[in-house]
Amino acid sequence: MNSRSTQRIEEDDCQLVLPLSGPSYGPFAIAKRRWRKPLDAILSQVVANSENLLVRLRLGVYAPAEGDLPEARARFTDLWRATEAQLAAIEAFQEVGWREQAR
């Protein structure tokens, strides 16, 4: 008997980040229904999207017709500030070291 096949390796640092693939029946279906994206992965995705949004806004966007320019500029500024505030809030949230509850 191969002694390596009886060893169990536990890796605490590894996490599944993508949903399982496989048939839509049996154990695969059960695993798909139970799977939840880890909180760290969700927050990382939000941070990446928010940073990308700020880069795109920094590169510039076309304004509408000149008659609506003041309102458009105000909305642009609101979006910019809200995105920066969201990034700051997520950074502060991640400093705490939250853990997810078991399902």
PDB file of N, CA and C in Angstrom:
ATOM      1  N   MET A   1       0.837  -1.191   0.000  1.00  0.00           N
ATOM      2  CA  MET A   1       0.000   0.000   0.000  1.00  0.00           C
ATOM      3  C   MET A   1       0.873   1.242   0.000  1.00  0.00           C
ATOM      4  N   ASN A   2       0.480   2.190  -0.766  1.00  0.00           N
ATOM      5  CA  ASN A   2       1.229   3.434  -0.887  1.00  0.00           C
ATOM      6  C   ASN A   2       0.913   4.336   0.300  1.00  0.00           C
ATOM      7  N   SER A   3       1.940   4.710   1.063  1.00  0.00           N
ATOM      8  CA  SER A   3       1.702   5.527   2.256  1.00  0.00           C
ATOM      9  C   SER A   3       1.303   6.955   1.893  1.00  0.00           C
ATOM     10  N   ARG A   4       1.682   7.412   0.723  1.00  0.00           N
ATOM     11  CA  ARG A   4       1.313   8.768   0.314  1.00  0.00           C
ATOM     12  C   ARG A   4      -0.188   8.914   0.091  1.00  0.00           C
ATOM     13  N   SER A   5      -0.854   7.873  -0.340  1.00  0.00           N
ATOM     14  CA  SER A   5      -2.283   7.981  -0.616  1.00  0.00           C
ATOM     15  C   SER A   5      -3.114   8.094   0.655  1.00  0.00           C
ATOM     16  N   THR A   6      -2.537   7.726   1.795  1.00  0.00           N
ATOM     17  CA  THR A   6      -3.287   7.806   3.049  1.00  0.00           C
ATOM     18  C   THR A   6      -3.045   9.114   3.790  1.00  0.00           C
ATOM     19  N   GLN A   7      -2.111   9.934   3.315  1.00  0.00           N
ATOM     20  CA  GLN A   7      -1.840  11.202   3.973  1.00  0.00           C
ATOM     21  C   GLN A   7      -2.887  12.229   3.580  1.00  0.00           C
ATOM     22  N   ARG A   8      -3.315  12.958   4.563  1.00  0.00           N
ATOM     23  CA  ARG A   8      -4.277  14.025   4.296  1.00  0.00           C
ATOM     24  C   ARG A   8      -3.574  15.360   4.472  1.00  0.00           C
ATOM     25  N   ILE A   9      -3.634  16.175   3.454  1.00  0.00           N
ATOM     26  CA  ILE A   9      -2.980  17.482   3.493  1.00  0.00           C
ATOM     27  C   ILE A   9      -4.055  18.537   3.683  1.00  0.00           C
ATOM     28  N   GLU A  10      -3.908  19.310   4.738  1.00  0.00           N
ATOM     29  CA  GLU A  10      -4.853  20.395   4.991  1.00  0.00           C
ATOM     30  C   GLU A  10      -4.150  21.714   4.738  1.00  0.00           C
ATOM     31  N   GLU A  11      -4.725  22.495   3.860  1.00  0.00           N
ATOM     32  CA  GLU A  11      -4.148  23.796   3.542  1.00  0.00           C
ATOM     33  C   GLU A  11      -5.166  24.870   3.881  1.00  0.00           C
ATOM     34  N   ASP A  12      -4.878  25.610   4.938  1.00  0.00           N
ATOM     35  CA  ASP A  12      -5.801  26.640   5.404  1.00  0.00           C
ATOM     36  C   ASP A  12      -5.809  27.868   4.507  1.00  0.00           C
ATOM     37  N   ASP A  13      -4.702  28.136   3.836  1.00  0.00           N
ATOM     38  CA  ASP A  13      -4.595  29.353   3.049  1.00  0.00           C
ATOM     39  C   ASP A  13      -5.264  29.263   1.684  1.00  0.00           C
ATOM     40  N   CYS A  14      -5.607  28.074   1.232  1.00  0.00           N
ATOM     41  CA  CYS A  14      -6.199  27.914  -0.091  1.00  0.00           C
ATOM     42  C   CYS A  14      -7.698  28.153  -0.023  1.00  0.00           C
ATOM     43  N   GLN A  15      -8.206  28.859  -1.017  1.00  0.00           N
ATOM     44  CA  GLN A  15      -9.638  29.122  -1.096  1.00  0.00           C
ATOM     45  C   GLN A  15     -10.104  28.920  -2.521  1.00  0.00           C
ATOM     46  N   LEU A  16     -11.295  28.419  -2.651  1.00  0.00           N
ATOM     47  CA  LEU A  16     -11.915  28.285  -3.956  1.00  0.00           C
ATOM     48  C   LEU A  16     -12.503  29.638  -4.337  1.00  0.00           C
ATOM     49  N   VAL A  17     -12.162  30.135  -5.509  1.00  0.00           N
ATOM     50  CA  VAL A  17     -12.598  31.469  -5.890  1.00  0.00           C
ATOM     51  C   VAL A  17     -13.622  31.426  -7.011  1.00  0.00           C
ATOM     52  N   LEU A  18     -13.667  30.370  -7.777  1.00  0.00           N
ATOM     53  CA  LEU A  18     -14.628  30.255  -8.866  1.00  0.00           C
ATOM     54  C   LEU A  18     -15.640  29.169  -8.555  1.00  0.00           C
ATOM     55  N   PRO A  19     -16.866  29.288  -9.048  1.00  0.00           N
ATOM     56  CA  PRO A  19     -17.848  28.238  -8.804  1.00  0.00           C
ATOM     57  C   PRO A  19     -17.399  26.932  -9.444  1.00  0.00           C
ATOM     58  N   LEU A  20     -17.860  25.870  -8.855  1.00  0.00           N
ATOM     59  CA  LEU A  20     -17.516  24.553  -9.376  1.00  0.00           C
ATOM     60  C   LEU A  20     -18.162  24.333 -10.731  1.00  0.00           C
ATOM     61  N   SER A  21     -17.477  23.612 -11.574  1.00  0.00           N
ATOM     62  CA  SER A  21     -18.061  23.271 -12.868  1.00  0.00           C
ATOM     63  C   SER A  21     -18.374  21.784 -12.867  1.00  0.00           C
ATOM     64  N   GLY A  22     -19.358  21.436 -13.587  1.00  0.00           N
ATOM     65  CA  GLY A  22     -19.763  20.041 -13.662  1.00  0.00           C
ATOM     66  C   GLY A  22     -21.235  19.950 -13.989  1.00  0.00           C
ATOM     67  N   PRO A  23     -21.761  18.738 -13.969  1.00  0.00           N
ATOM     68  CA  PRO A  23     -23.171  18.562 -14.328  1.00  0.00           C
ATOM     69  C   PRO A  23     -24.110  19.245 -13.337  1.00  0.00           C
ATOM     70  N   SER A  24     -25.326  19.486 -13.777  1.00  0.00           N
ATOM     71  CA  SER A  24     -26.315  20.172 -12.947  1.00  0.00           C
ATOM     72  C   SER A  24     -27.175  19.194 -12.154  1.00  0.00           C
ATOM     73  N   TYR A  25     -26.604  18.109 -11.734  1.00  0.00           N
ATOM     74  CA  TYR A  25     -27.329  17.122 -10.952  1.00  0.00           C
ATOM     75  C   TYR A  25     -26.365  16.473  -9.965  1.00  0.00           C
ATOM     76  N   GLY A  26     -26.921  15.828  -8.980  1.00  0.00           N
ATOM     77  CA  GLY A  26     -26.120  15.088  -8.008  1.00  0.00           C
ATOM     78  C   GLY A  26     -25.251  15.978  -7.150  1.00  0.00           C
ATOM     79  N   PRO A  27     -24.088  15.460  -6.755  1.00  0.00           N
ATOM     80  CA  PRO A  27     -23.219  16.203  -5.841  1.00  0.00           C
ATOM     81  C   PRO A  27     -22.709  17.525  -6.422  1.00  0.00           C
ATOM     82  N   PHE A  28     -22.538  17.593  -7.740  1.00  0.00           N
ATOM     83  CA  PHE A  28     -22.095  18.848  -8.340  1.00  0.00           C
ATOM     84  C   PHE A  28     -23.139  19.935  -8.154  1.00  0.00           C
ATOM     85  N   ALA A  29     -24.388  19.607  -8.340  1.00  0.00           N
ATOM     86  CA  ALA A  29     -25.467  20.587  -8.166  1.00  0.00           C
ATOM     87  C   ALA A  29     -25.534  21.066  -6.722  1.00  0.00           C
ATOM     88  N   ILE A  30     -25.355  20.146  -5.786  1.00  0.00           N
ATOM     89  CA  ILE A  30     -25.373  20.519  -4.369  1.00  0.00           C
ATOM     90  C   ILE A  30     -24.214  21.458  -4.055  1.00  0.00           C
ATOM     91  N   ALA A  31     -23.035  21.145  -4.570  1.00  0.00           N
ATOM     92  CA  ALA A  31     -21.868  21.990  -4.327  1.00  0.00           C
ATOM     93  C   ALA A  31     -22.049  23.378  -4.945  1.00  0.00           C
ATOM     94  N   LYS A  32     -22.636  23.437  -6.134  1.00  0.00           N
ATOM     95  CA  LYS A  32     -22.880  24.735  -6.777  1.00  0.00           C
ATOM     96  C   LYS A  32     -23.844  25.579  -5.956  1.00  0.00           C
ATOM     97  N   ARG A  33     -24.898  24.963  -5.416  1.00  0.00           N
ATOM     98  CA  ARG A  33     -25.874  25.723  -4.625  1.00  0.00           C
ATOM     99  C   ARG A  33     -25.259  26.234  -3.330  1.00  0.00           C
ATOM    100  N   ARG A  34     -24.343  25.489  -2.753  1.00  0.00           N
ATOM    101  CA  ARG A  34     -23.755  25.861  -1.466  1.00  0.00           C
ATOM    102  C   ARG A  34     -22.583  26.829  -1.600  1.00  0.00           C
ATOM    103  N   TRP A  35     -22.015  26.935  -2.792  1.00  0.00           N
ATOM    104  CA  TRP A  35     -20.811  27.736  -2.974  1.00  0.00           C
ATOM    105  C   TRP A  35     -21.116  29.216  -2.838  1.00  0.00           C
ATOM    106  N   ARG A  36     -20.266  29.897  -2.101  1.00  0.00           N
ATOM    107  CA  ARG A  36     -20.346  31.353  -1.981  1.00  0.00           C
ATOM    108  C   ARG A  36     -18.957  31.923  -2.202  1.00  0.00           C
ATOM    109  N   LYS A  37     -18.884  33.001  -2.951  1.00  0.00           N
ATOM    110  CA  LYS A  37     -17.590  33.643  -3.186  1.00  0.00           C
ATOM    111  C   LYS A  37     -17.100  34.211  -1.859  1.00  0.00           C
ATOM    112  N   PRO A  38     -15.842  33.985  -1.508  1.00  0.00           N
ATOM    113  CA  PRO A  38     -15.307  34.510  -0.247  1.00  0.00           C
ATOM    114  C   PRO A  38     -15.373  36.040  -0.202  1.00  0.00           C
ATOM    115  N   LEU A  39     -15.573  36.562   0.994  1.00  0.00           N
ATOM    116  CA  LEU A  39     -15.698  38.003   1.191  1.00  0.00           C
ATOM    117  C   LEU A  39     -14.461  38.740   0.681  1.00  0.00           C
ATOM    118  N   ASP A  40     -13.278  38.194   0.933  1.00  0.00           N
ATOM    119  CA  ASP A  40     -12.050  38.838   0.457  1.00  0.00           C
ATOM    120  C   ASP A  40     -12.049  38.968  -1.058  1.00  0.00           C
ATOM    121  N   ALA A  41     -12.538  37.949  -1.742  1.00  0.00           N
ATOM    122  CA  ALA A  41     -12.584  37.994  -3.209  1.00  0.00           C
ATOM    123  C   ALA A  41     -13.567  39.051  -3.688  1.00  0.00           C
ATOM    124  N   ILE A  42     -14.705  39.162  -3.017  1.00  0.00           N
ATOM    125  CA  ILE A  42     -15.702  40.170  -3.392  1.00  0.00           C
ATOM    126  C   ILE A  42     -15.132  41.572  -3.189  1.00  0.00           C
ATOM    127  N   LEU A  43     -14.526  41.804  -2.027  1.00  0.00           N
ATOM    128  CA  LEU A  43     -13.960  43.128  -1.742  1.00  0.00           C
ATOM    129  C   LEU A  43     -12.830  43.469  -2.700  1.00  0.00           C
ATOM    130  N   SER A  44     -11.998  42.486  -3.028  1.00  0.00           N
ATOM    131  CA  SER A  44     -10.910  42.726  -3.979  1.00  0.00           C
ATOM    132  C   SER A  44     -11.456  43.101  -5.351  1.00  0.00           C
ATOM    133  N   GLN A  45     -12.532  42.447  -5.744  1.00  0.00           N
ATOM    134  CA  GLN A  45     -13.147  42.748  -7.034  1.00  0.00           C
ATOM    135  C   GLN A  45     -13.741  44.161  -7.043  1.00  0.00           C
ATOM    136  N   VAL A  46     -14.384  44.539  -5.946  1.00  0.00           N
ATOM    137  CA  VAL A  46     -14.961  45.887  -5.853  1.00  0.00           C
ATOM    138  C   VAL A  46     -13.857  46.939  -5.889  1.00  0.00           C
ATOM    139  N   VAL A  47     -12.763  46.697  -5.168  1.00  0.00           N
ATOM    140  CA  VAL A  47     -11.646  47.642  -5.169  1.00  0.00           C
ATOM    141  C   VAL A  47     -11.067  47.777  -6.578  1.00  0.00           C
ATOM    142  N   ALA A  48     -10.865  46.658  -7.245  1.00  0.00           N
ATOM    143  CA  ALA A  48     -10.309  46.699  -8.607  1.00  0.00           C
ATOM    144  C   ALA A  48     -11.235  47.467  -9.551  1.00  0.00           C
ATOM    145  N   ASN A  49     -12.539  47.200  -9.473  1.00  0.00           N
ATOM    146  CA  ASN A  49     -13.493  47.901 -10.338  1.00  0.00           C
ATOM    147  C   ASN A  49     -13.537  49.392 -10.027  1.00  0.00           C
ATOM    148  N   SER A  50     -13.507  49.757  -8.755  1.00  0.00           N
ATOM    149  CA  SER A  50     -13.543  51.169  -8.378  1.00  0.00           C
ATOM    150  C   SER A  50     -12.281  51.891  -8.833  1.00  0.00           C
ATOM    151  N   GLU A  51     -11.131  51.245  -8.670  1.00  0.00           N
ATOM    152  CA  GLU A  51      -9.887  51.856  -9.127  1.00  0.00           C
ATOM    153  C   GLU A  51      -9.884  52.011 -10.648  1.00  0.00           C
ATOM    154  N   ASN A  52     -10.397  51.007 -11.345  1.00  0.00           N
ATOM    155  CA  ASN A  52     -10.493  51.111 -12.803  1.00  0.00           C
ATOM    156  C   ASN A  52     -11.433  52.233 -13.222  1.00  0.00           C
ATOM    157  N   LEU A  53     -12.536  52.407 -12.491  1.00  0.00           N
ATOM    158  CA  LEU A  53     -13.463  53.493 -12.791  1.00  0.00           C
ATOM    159  C   LEU A  53     -12.778  54.849 -12.632  1.00  0.00           C
ATOM    160  N   LEU A  54     -12.016  55.013 -11.555  1.00  0.00           N
ATOM    161  CA  LEU A  54     -11.312  56.285 -11.351  1.00  0.00           C
ATOM    162  C   LEU A  54     -10.287  56.542 -12.456  1.00  0.00           C
ATOM    163  N   VAL A  55      -9.613  55.484 -12.902  1.00  0.00           N
ATOM    164  CA  VAL A  55      -8.651  55.648 -13.997  1.00  0.00           C
ATOM    165  C   VAL A  55      -9.369  56.102 -15.260  1.00  0.00           C
ATOM    166  N   ARG A  56     -10.497  55.457 -15.564  1.00  0.00           N
ATOM    167  CA  ARG A  56     -11.254  55.832 -16.772  1.00  0.00           C
ATOM    168  C   ARG A  56     -11.767  57.267 -16.684  1.00  0.00           C
ATOM    169  N   LEU A  57     -12.238  57.656 -15.505  1.00  0.00           N
ATOM    170  CA  LEU A  57     -12.718  59.032 -15.336  1.00  0.00           C
ATOM    171  C   LEU A  57     -11.559  60.023 -15.446  1.00  0.00           C
ATOM    172  N   ARG A  58     -10.404  59.626 -14.914  1.00  0.00           N
ATOM    173  CA  ARG A  58      -9.233  60.489 -14.982  1.00  0.00           C
ATOM    174  C   ARG A  58      -8.780  60.675 -16.428  1.00  0.00           C
ATOM    175  N   LEU A  59      -8.920  59.639 -17.242  1.00  0.00           N
ATOM    176  CA  LEU A  59      -8.554  59.743 -18.658  1.00  0.00           C
ATOM    177  C   LEU A  59      -9.487  60.680 -19.408  1.00  0.00           C
ATOM    178  N   GLY A  60     -10.700  60.812 -18.905  1.00  0.00           N
ATOM    179  CA  GLY A  60     -11.642  61.753 -19.503  1.00  0.00           C
ATOM    180  C   GLY A  60     -12.846  61.074 -20.120  1.00  0.00           C
ATOM    181  N   VAL A  61     -13.956  61.762 -20.045  1.00  0.00           N
ATOM    182  CA  VAL A  61     -15.207  61.312 -20.652  1.00  0.00           C
ATOM    183  C   VAL A  61     -15.803  62.501 -21.403  1.00  0.00           C
ATOM    184  N   TYR A  62     -16.605  62.204 -22.400  1.00  0.00           N
ATOM    185  CA  TYR A  62     -17.241  63.265 -23.176  1.00  0.00           C
ATOM    186  C   TYR A  62     -18.450  63.804 -22.433  1.00  0.00           C
ATOM    187  N   ALA A  63     -18.554  65.116 -22.384  1.00  0.00           N
ATOM    188  CA  ALA A  63     -19.693  65.767 -21.742  1.00  0.00           C
ATOM    189  C   ALA A  63     -20.859  65.841 -22.727  1.00  0.00           C
ATOM    190  N   PRO A  64     -22.070  65.938 -22.209  1.00  0.00           N
ATOM    191  CA  PRO A  64     -23.227  66.080 -23.095  1.00  0.00           C
ATOM    192  C   PRO A  64     -23.263  67.480 -23.730  1.00  0.00           C
ATOM    193  N   ALA A  65     -24.370  67.786 -24.350  1.00  0.00           N
ATOM    194  CA  ALA A  65     -24.538  69.110 -24.970  1.00  0.00           C
ATOM    195  C   ALA A  65     -24.253  70.202 -23.940  1.00  0.00           C
ATOM    196  N   GLU A  66     -23.810  71.344 -24.404  1.00  0.00           N
ATOM    197  CA  GLU A  66     -23.365  72.404 -23.500  1.00  0.00           C
ATOM    198  C   GLU A  66     -24.443  72.899 -22.549  1.00  0.00           C
ATOM    199  N   GLY A  67     -25.710  72.769 -22.907  1.00  0.00           N
ATOM    200  CA  GLY A  67     -26.779  73.244 -22.037  1.00  0.00           C
ATOM    201  C   GLY A  67     -26.859  72.489 -20.723  1.00  0.00           C
ATOM    202  N   ASP A  68     -26.449  71.233 -20.720  1.00  0.00           N
ATOM    203  CA  ASP A  68     -26.517  70.404 -19.517  1.00  0.00           C
ATOM    204  C   ASP A  68     -25.167  70.267 -18.829  1.00  0.00           C
ATOM    205  N   LEU A  69     -24.195  71.037 -19.225  1.00  0.00           N
ATOM    206  CA  LEU A  69     -22.835  70.885 -18.719  1.00  0.00           C
ATOM    207  C   LEU A  69     -22.714  71.057 -17.202  1.00  0.00           C
ATOM    208  N   PRO A  70     -23.312  72.057 -16.567  1.00  0.00           N
ATOM    209  CA  PRO A  70     -23.166  72.197 -15.112  1.00  0.00           C
ATOM    210  C   PRO A  70     -23.725  70.990 -14.348  1.00  0.00           C
ATOM    211  N   GLU A  71     -24.875  70.498 -14.767  1.00  0.00           N
ATOM    212  CA  GLU A  71     -25.455  69.335 -14.092  1.00  0.00           C
ATOM    213  C   GLU A  71     -24.594  68.095 -14.324  1.00  0.00           C
ATOM    214  N   ALA A  72     -24.096  67.932 -15.532  1.00  0.00           N
ATOM    215  CA  ALA A  72     -23.236  66.786 -15.842  1.00  0.00           C
ATOM    216  C   ALA A  72     -21.946  66.847 -15.031  1.00  0.00           C
ATOM    217  N   ARG A  73     -21.380  68.034 -14.904  1.00  0.00           N
ATOM    218  CA  ARG A  73     -20.151  68.190 -14.122  1.00  0.00           C
ATOM    219  C   ARG A  73     -20.413  67.855 -12.651  1.00  0.00           C
ATOM    220  N   ALA A  74     -21.570  68.252 -12.131  1.00  0.00           N
ATOM    221  CA  ALA A  74     -21.917  67.947 -10.739  1.00  0.00           C
ATOM    222  C   ALA A  74     -22.062  66.441 -10.538  1.00  0.00           C
ATOM    223  N   ARG A  75     -22.680  65.765 -11.483  1.00  0.00           N
ATOM    224  CA  ARG A  75     -22.830  64.309 -11.377  1.00  0.00           C
ATOM    225  C   ARG A  75     -21.481  63.601 -11.478  1.00  0.00           C
ATOM    226  N   PHE A  76     -20.612  64.099 -12.353  1.00  0.00           N
ATOM    227  CA  PHE A  76     -19.267  63.550 -12.475  1.00  0.00           C
ATOM    228  C   PHE A  76     -18.527  63.672 -11.144  1.00  0.00           C
ATOM    229  N   THR A  77     -18.611  64.853 -10.551  1.00  0.00           N
ATOM    230  CA  THR A  77     -17.946  65.098  -9.269  1.00  0.00           C
ATOM    231  C   THR A  77     -18.522  64.200  -8.176  1.00  0.00           C
ATOM    232  N   ASP A  78     -19.844  64.044  -8.156  1.00  0.00           N
ATOM    233  CA  ASP A  78     -20.478  63.164  -7.168  1.00  0.00           C
ATOM    234  C   ASP A  78     -19.997  61.724  -7.314  1.00  0.00           C
ATOM    235  N   LEU A  79     -19.923  61.245  -8.553  1.00  0.00           N
ATOM    236  CA  LEU A  79     -19.457  59.878  -8.790  1.00  0.00           C
ATOM    237  C   LEU A  79     -18.009  59.723  -8.363  1.00  0.00           C
ATOM    238  N   TRP A  80     -17.188  60.699  -8.691  1.00  0.00           N
ATOM    239  CA  TRP A  80     -15.778  60.656  -8.311  1.00  0.00           C
ATOM    240  C   TRP A  80     -15.630  60.579  -6.791  1.00  0.00           C
ATOM    241  N   ARG A  81     -16.327  61.459  -6.086  1.00  0.00           N
ATOM    242  CA  ARG A  81     -16.225  61.492  -4.618  1.00  0.00           C
ATOM    243  C   ARG A  81     -16.782  60.217  -3.982  1.00  0.00           C
ATOM    244  N   ALA A  82     -17.893  59.712  -4.523  1.00  0.00           N
ATOM    245  CA  ALA A  82     -18.487  58.485  -3.975  1.00  0.00           C
ATOM    246  C   ALA A  82     -17.567  57.288  -4.179  1.00  0.00           C
ATOM    247  N   THR A  83     -16.909  57.238  -5.323  1.00  0.00           N
ATOM    248  CA  THR A  83     -15.991  56.131  -5.595  1.00  0.00           C
ATOM    249  C   THR A  83     -14.784  56.196  -4.671  1.00  0.00           C
ATOM    250  N   GLU A  84     -14.242  57.390  -4.475  1.00  0.00           N
ATOM    251  CA  GLU A  84     -13.122  57.531  -3.543  1.00  0.00           C
ATOM    252  C   GLU A  84     -13.544  57.192  -2.117  1.00  0.00           C
ATOM    253  N   ALA A  85     -14.754  57.601  -1.728  1.00  0.00           N
ATOM    254  CA  ALA A  85     -15.254  57.287  -0.387  1.00  0.00           C
ATOM    255  C   ALA A  85     -15.452  55.780  -0.225  1.00  0.00           C
ATOM    256  N   GLN A  86     -15.937  55.121  -1.272  1.00  0.00           N
ATOM    257  CA  GLN A  86     -16.124  53.671  -1.210  1.00  0.00           C
ATOM    258  C   GLN A  86     -14.781  52.970  -1.037  1.00  0.00           C
ATOM    259  N   LEU A  87     -13.766  53.398  -1.767  1.00  0.00           N
ATOM    260  CA  LEU A  87     -12.443  52.793  -1.616  1.00  0.00           C
ATOM    261  C   LEU A  87     -11.901  52.991  -0.199  1.00  0.00           C
ATOM    262  N   ALA A  88     -12.091  54.171   0.347  1.00  0.00           N
ATOM    263  CA  ALA A  88     -11.627  54.443   1.712  1.00  0.00           C
ATOM    264  C   ALA A  88     -12.391  53.588   2.724  1.00  0.00           C
ATOM    265  N   ALA A  89     -13.694  53.428   2.520  1.00  0.00           N
ATOM    266  CA  ALA A  89     -14.505  52.622   3.439  1.00  0.00           C
ATOM    267  C   ALA A  89     -14.102  51.153   3.385  1.00  0.00           C
ATOM    268  N   ILE A  90     -13.839  50.636   2.191  1.00  0.00           N
ATOM    269  CA  ILE A  90     -13.426  49.232   2.067  1.00  0.00           C
ATOM    270  C   ILE A  90     -12.064  49.023   2.708  1.00  0.00           C
ATOM    271  N   GLU A  91     -11.160  49.968   2.515  1.00  0.00           N
ATOM    272  CA  GLU A  91      -9.838  49.864   3.130  1.00  0.00           C
ATOM    273  C   GLU A  91      -9.961  49.841   4.655  1.00  0.00           C
ATOM    274  N   ALA A  92     -10.793  50.709   5.208  1.00  0.00           N
ATOM    275  CA  ALA A  92     -11.003  50.739   6.656  1.00  0.00           C
ATOM    276  C   ALA A  92     -11.657  49.443   7.140  1.00  0.00           C
ATOM    277  N   PHE A  93     -12.598  48.914   6.358  1.00  0.00           N
ATOM    278  CA  PHE A  93     -13.275  47.670   6.714  1.00  0.00           C
ATOM    279  C   PHE A  93     -12.287  46.512   6.742  1.00  0.00           C
ATOM    280  N   GLN A  94     -11.379  46.460   5.774  1.00  0.00           N
ATOM    281  CA  GLN A  94     -10.428  45.354   5.688  1.00  0.00           C
ATOM    282  C   GLN A  94      -9.389  45.399   6.798  1.00  0.00           C
ATOM    283  N   GLU A  95      -9.146  46.550   7.393  1.00  0.00           N
ATOM    284  CA  GLU A  95      -8.173  46.658   8.477  1.00  0.00           C
ATOM    285  C   GLU A  95      -8.616  45.914   9.727  1.00  0.00           C
ATOM    286  N   VAL A  96      -9.909  45.695   9.885  1.00  0.00           N
ATOM    287  CA  VAL A  96     -10.433  45.062  11.088  1.00  0.00           C
ATOM    288  C   VAL A  96     -10.108  43.571  11.120  1.00  0.00           C
ATOM    289  N   GLY A  97     -10.061  42.903   9.987  1.00  0.00           N
ATOM    290  CA  GLY A  97      -9.784  41.473   9.954  1.00  0.00           C
ATOM    291  C   GLY A  97     -11.022  40.634  10.192  1.00  0.00           C
ATOM    292  N   TRP A  98     -12.089  40.942   9.489  1.00  0.00           N
ATOM    293  CA  TRP A  98     -13.347  40.228   9.639  1.00  0.00           C
ATOM    294  C   TRP A  98     -13.224  38.778   9.199  1.00  0.00           C
ATOM    295  N   ARG A  99     -14.080  37.918   9.764  1.00  0.00           N
ATOM    296  CA  ARG A  99     -14.202  36.534   9.314  1.00  0.00           C
ATOM    297  C   ARG A  99     -15.660  36.277   8.998  1.00  0.00           C
ATOM    298  N   GLU A 100     -15.886  35.432   8.008  1.00  0.00           N
ATOM    299  CA  GLU A 100     -17.253  35.117   7.617  1.00  0.00           C
ATOM    300  C   GLU A 100     -17.845  34.071   8.547  1.00  0.00           C
ATOM    301  N   GLN A 101     -19.157  34.150   8.704  1.00  0.00           N
ATOM    302  CA  GLN A 101     -19.863  33.139   9.492  1.00  0.00           C
ATOM    303  C   GLN A 101     -20.047  31.891   8.651  1.00  0.00           C
ATOM    304  N   ALA A 102     -19.995  30.760   9.321  1.00  0.00           N
ATOM    305  CA  ALA A 102     -20.255  29.499   8.613  1.00  0.00           C
ATOM    306  C   ALA A 102     -21.734  29.443   8.256  1.00  0.00           C
ATOM    307  N   ARG A 103     -22.007  28.846   7.150  1.00  0.00           N
ATOM    308  CA  ARG A 103     -23.378  28.770   6.683  1.00  0.00           C
ATOM    309  C   ARG A 103     -24.198  27.793   7.439  1.00  0.00           C
TER     310      ARG A 103
END
